[in-house]
Amino acid sequence: MRLEIYADPVCPWCLIGKALLDRALEAAPEHPFLVEWHPFQLNPEMPAEGMDRHRYLEAKFGGREGAMAAYGPVLEAAEAAGLALDFGAISRTPNTLDAHRLIHWAGLEGRQTPMVAALFRGYFQEGRDIGAPAVLADLSAEAGLDRDLVVRLLASEADRDDIRARDAGARARGIRAVPTFILAETYVMSGAQPTALWAQVIAETAGVTG
């Protein structure tokens, strides 16, 4: 049963949503889900080189106080999910087009979820610039991909238009925020969902597919 996840690796709620889902999947190793990650850029107009993090927060939230108000609930939810996020280590907000290309290539090798996990860890816990080709190449190797091949692909135009088209297709499909989960091409859930809800969904779908 397909579980499509629309996410962006710079979206903290996407990381939290993944952590909560992971708990349910780990508790039910015979779950029926085939997880697929799909691109959605929170900042599609971000310059290719990214933006200084402080400038980005100033522009988006109107300054430090606005950013603190916006990220307070994120930090609380992350802590509840057992995640330690280090926003202070993040110096740049990247354009994530190349990160999404990397997730796509990882999917071709059956390494999509490990690649997504590496990107989340690199950005939110290690403060790495996941818009930088060298950083992406290093993270790809950590996720089990061929680093040299990734370097060559990142230097090319491979799949750029495809990622942009898939992002546009998600918006045409009505997706406006991430994470968005679509189960069996029918049931849609938006936002980070509790582990208990995922456990219930797994139990119910296991009966359908069993």
Foldseek 3Di string as FASTA:
>chain_A
DEKEWEDFLVDLLQVLLVLQLVVLCVVPVVFPYDYDYAYAWPCQPAPLAFAFPQVVCCVPQVHDVRVCVVCVVSCVSCVVSVHDFDPVLAGTDHGCLLLRVLLVVCVVVVLNVLSSVLSNCCCGPVNHHCSDQVSSLVSSVVSPDDSVVSSVVSVDCPCSVVNVVRNVVCVVVVDDDDGWIDDPVHDIDHTRDHSVVSNVVRVVVVVVVD
